[in-house]
Amino acid sequence: MNVSGERLDSEWVRGWCEQTSAELGVLLSSFLKTHGFPAGENAVVLSTDESSKATDALVDLTPIPSDLTTLYWVVCEISLPDVGHGYFVHPASTVAEHFREYGPVQIDDEPSAIVFASDGGGHLFAVAGSGRVWRSTTASWFDDFEVAAASIQEFLEQIGRRVADQA
């Protein structure tokens, strides 16, 4: 759920994708000159028929929070190795593989949380049934997690601001 308590809206996610991709283009156009080395492959990849099937399989596998389902109906994956320390929203197929291998993440009083993203340092991001996004304090599935955002929308807004600030 987003900050106002409403569910994540797919049209909002589409707008976020368009805006972030445009700002990413600006960032990448001057990356080599600014940083002295070429950028990696940075992209917001929209969903496909294949990724939609993977989302369906993930929904069948686990009680996935509705905002994560909404995100995956629009986005297949996000790979931003050159934004901040790096941000990676994993494809639904990867989330399902990790869920089968490691299970849900247990966070304090939250319902089980599902790891759906990571950063360039190996820290994990998990979304709980409450809609809150949590970040691992170490690069581990089994250590402590701290609140990173009140919702997936806020999490995406944070990433969008990072891209815009760097552009």
Protein backbone atom coordinates (compact mmCIF):
# COMPACT_ATOMS: atom_id res chain seq x y z
CA MET A 1 0.00 0.00 0.00
CA ASN A 2 1.25 3.46 -0.68
CA VAL A 3 1.65 6.17 1.92
CA SER A 4 -1.96 7.32 1.63
CA GLY A 5 -3.14 3.77 2.37
CA GLU A 6 -4.29 3.08 -1.18
CA ARG A 7 -3.05 0.24 -3.31
CA LEU A 8 -0.32 0.76 -5.86
CA ASP A 9 -1.84 1.86 -9.17
CA SER A 10 -0.54 0.33 -12.41
CA GLU A 11 -0.94 3.66 -14.23
CA TRP A 12 1.25 5.33 -11.60
CA VAL A 13 3.88 2.59 -12.12
CA ARG A 14 3.76 3.13 -15.92
CA GLY A 15 4.29 6.87 -15.40
CA TRP A 16 7.16 6.17 -13.02
CA CYS A 17 8.74 3.88 -15.64
CA GLU A 18 8.47 6.54 -18.35
CA GLN A 19 9.86 9.33 -16.16
CA THR A 20 12.66 7.23 -14.68
CA SER A 21 13.66 5.85 -18.09
CA ALA A 22 13.82 9.40 -19.50
CA GLU A 23 15.99 10.59 -16.59
CA LEU A 24 18.11 7.47 -16.94
CA GLY A 25 18.73 8.41 -20.59
CA VAL A 26 20.03 11.81 -19.47
CA LEU A 27 22.24 10.19 -16.84
CA LEU A 28 23.68 7.64 -19.25
CA SER A 29 24.31 10.17 -22.03
CA SER A 30 26.94 11.91 -19.89
CA PHE A 31 28.03 8.99 -17.72
CA LEU A 32 31.37 8.27 -19.41
CA LYS A 33 32.36 11.94 -19.44
CA THR A 34 31.28 12.44 -15.82
CA HIS A 35 32.67 9.24 -14.32
CA GLY A 36 35.56 8.33 -16.63
CA PHE A 37 34.28 4.83 -17.32
CA PRO A 38 31.31 3.46 -19.28
CA ALA A 39 28.01 2.77 -17.57
CA GLY A 40 26.78 -0.77 -17.09
CA GLU A 41 23.48 -1.96 -18.47
CA ASN A 42 20.87 0.19 -16.73
CA ALA A 43 17.24 -0.42 -17.64
CA VAL A 44 13.65 -0.45 -16.52
CA VAL A 45 12.31 -3.48 -18.40
CA LEU A 46 8.55 -3.58 -18.94
CA SER A 47 6.60 -6.79 -18.46
CA THR A 48 6.21 -9.33 -21.23
CA ASP A 49 3.93 -12.33 -21.72
CA GLU A 50 6.69 -14.50 -20.25
CA SER A 51 7.17 -12.30 -17.18
CA SER A 52 3.39 -12.18 -16.66
CA LYS A 53 3.36 -15.99 -16.57
CA ALA A 54 6.18 -15.87 -14.01
CA THR A 55 4.09 -13.43 -11.94
CA ASP A 56 1.13 -15.84 -12.08
CA ALA A 57 3.43 -18.66 -10.91
CA LEU A 58 4.75 -16.48 -8.06
CA VAL A 59 1.19 -15.65 -6.97
CA ASP A 60 0.38 -19.38 -6.95
CA LEU A 61 3.52 -20.13 -4.92
CA THR A 62 3.23 -17.59 -2.13
CA PRO A 63 0.90 -15.01 -0.59
CA ILE A 64 2.49 -12.17 -2.56
CA PRO A 65 1.52 -8.64 -1.43
CA SER A 66 -0.88 -7.07 -3.93
CA ASP A 67 1.39 -4.06 -4.59
CA LEU A 68 4.18 -6.39 -5.67
CA THR A 69 1.78 -8.13 -8.05
CA THR A 70 0.80 -4.72 -9.47
CA LEU A 71 4.46 -3.81 -9.92
CA TYR A 72 5.12 -7.05 -11.81
CA TRP A 73 2.13 -6.55 -14.11
CA VAL A 74 3.95 -3.43 -15.38
CA VAL A 75 7.65 -4.13 -14.79
CA CYS A 76 9.60 -7.30 -15.56
CA GLU A 77 12.75 -6.10 -13.79
CA ILE A 78 14.77 -3.02 -12.93
CA SER A 79 18.55 -3.05 -13.24
CA LEU A 80 20.31 0.14 -12.19
CA PRO A 81 23.93 -0.78 -11.34
CA ASP A 82 25.11 2.81 -11.80
CA VAL A 83 22.48 4.54 -9.64
CA GLY A 84 23.69 5.06 -6.09
CA HIS A 85 25.13 1.76 -4.91
CA GLY A 86 22.96 -0.01 -7.47
CA TYR A 87 19.32 -1.10 -7.40
CA PHE A 88 17.94 -4.32 -8.78
CA VAL A 89 14.27 -5.32 -8.73
CA HIS A 90 14.44 -9.01 -9.54
CA PRO A 91 12.18 -10.64 -12.12
CA ALA A 92 9.24 -12.59 -10.67
CA SER A 93 10.87 -15.85 -11.82
CA THR A 94 13.96 -15.07 -9.70
CA VAL A 95 11.80 -14.10 -6.72
CA ALA A 96 10.02 -17.47 -7.01
CA GLU A 97 13.35 -19.35 -7.22
CA HIS A 98 14.65 -17.54 -4.14
CA PHE A 99 11.38 -18.14 -2.28
CA ARG A 100 11.59 -21.87 -3.01
CA GLU A 101 15.24 -21.95 -1.89
CA TYR A 102 15.15 -19.65 1.17
CA GLY A 103 11.47 -19.26 2.04
CA PRO A 104 9.94 -16.05 3.36
CA VAL A 105 11.91 -13.57 5.43
CA GLN A 106 10.81 -13.22 9.05
CA ILE A 107 10.77 -9.59 10.20
CA ASP A 108 9.74 -8.65 13.71
CA ASP A 109 5.96 -8.58 14.04
CA GLU A 110 5.35 -8.50 10.28
CA PRO A 111 3.61 -11.20 8.35
CA SER A 112 6.12 -13.10 6.23
CA ALA A 113 8.02 -10.94 3.78
CA ILE A 114 9.17 -11.74 0.25
CA VAL A 115 12.59 -10.67 -1.04
CA PHE A 116 12.10 -8.92 -4.38
CA ALA A 117 15.13 -6.67 -4.84
CA SER A 118 18.72 -6.01 -3.84
CA ASP A 119 21.34 -3.31 -4.03
CA GLY A 120 24.89 -3.39 -5.36
CA GLY A 121 26.23 -4.28 -1.93
CA GLY A 122 24.14 -7.43 -1.66
CA HIS A 123 21.60 -6.01 0.79
CA LEU A 124 18.14 -7.40 0.21
CA PHE A 125 14.80 -5.63 -0.03
CA ALA A 126 11.69 -7.49 1.08
CA VAL A 127 8.05 -6.48 1.03
CA ALA A 128 5.82 -7.63 3.86
CA GLY A 129 2.09 -8.20 3.96
CA SER A 130 1.74 -4.74 5.52
CA GLY A 131 3.13 -3.28 2.28
CA ARG A 132 6.26 -1.93 3.98
CA VAL A 133 9.60 -2.46 2.24
CA TRP A 134 12.44 -3.67 4.42
CA ARG A 135 16.22 -3.63 3.75
CA SER A 136 18.57 -6.20 5.25
CA THR A 137 21.24 -4.72 7.50
CA THR A 138 23.80 -7.13 6.00
CA ALA A 139 24.02 -9.10 2.78
CA SER A 140 22.04 -11.97 4.31
CA TRP A 141 18.58 -13.49 4.22
CA PHE A 142 18.74 -14.29 7.91
CA ASP A 143 19.98 -11.15 9.69
CA ASP A 144 18.02 -8.09 10.78
CA PHE A 145 15.96 -5.95 8.44
CA GLU A 146 15.11 -2.25 8.83
CA VAL A 147 12.31 -0.26 7.23
CA ALA A 148 13.41 1.19 3.89
CA ALA A 149 10.07 2.57 2.69
CA ALA A 150 6.45 2.66 3.80
CA SER A 151 5.37 1.09 0.50
CA ILE A 152 6.56 -0.11 -2.88
CA GLN A 153 5.46 3.24 -4.31
CA GLU A 154 7.68 5.09 -1.83
CA PHE A 155 10.53 2.66 -2.63
CA LEU A 156 10.18 3.43 -6.35
CA GLU A 157 9.95 7.16 -5.63
CA GLN A 158 13.25 6.92 -3.72
CA ILE A 159 14.91 5.18 -6.67
CA GLY A 160 13.45 7.73 -9.07
CA ARG A 161 14.89 10.59 -6.99
CA ARG A 162 18.31 8.90 -7.01
CA VAL A 163 18.23 8.68 -10.81
CA ALA A 164 17.08 12.32 -11.13
CA ASP A 165 19.70 13.56 -8.65
CA GLN A 166 22.48 11.80 -10.55
CA ALA A 167 21.27 12.89 -14.00
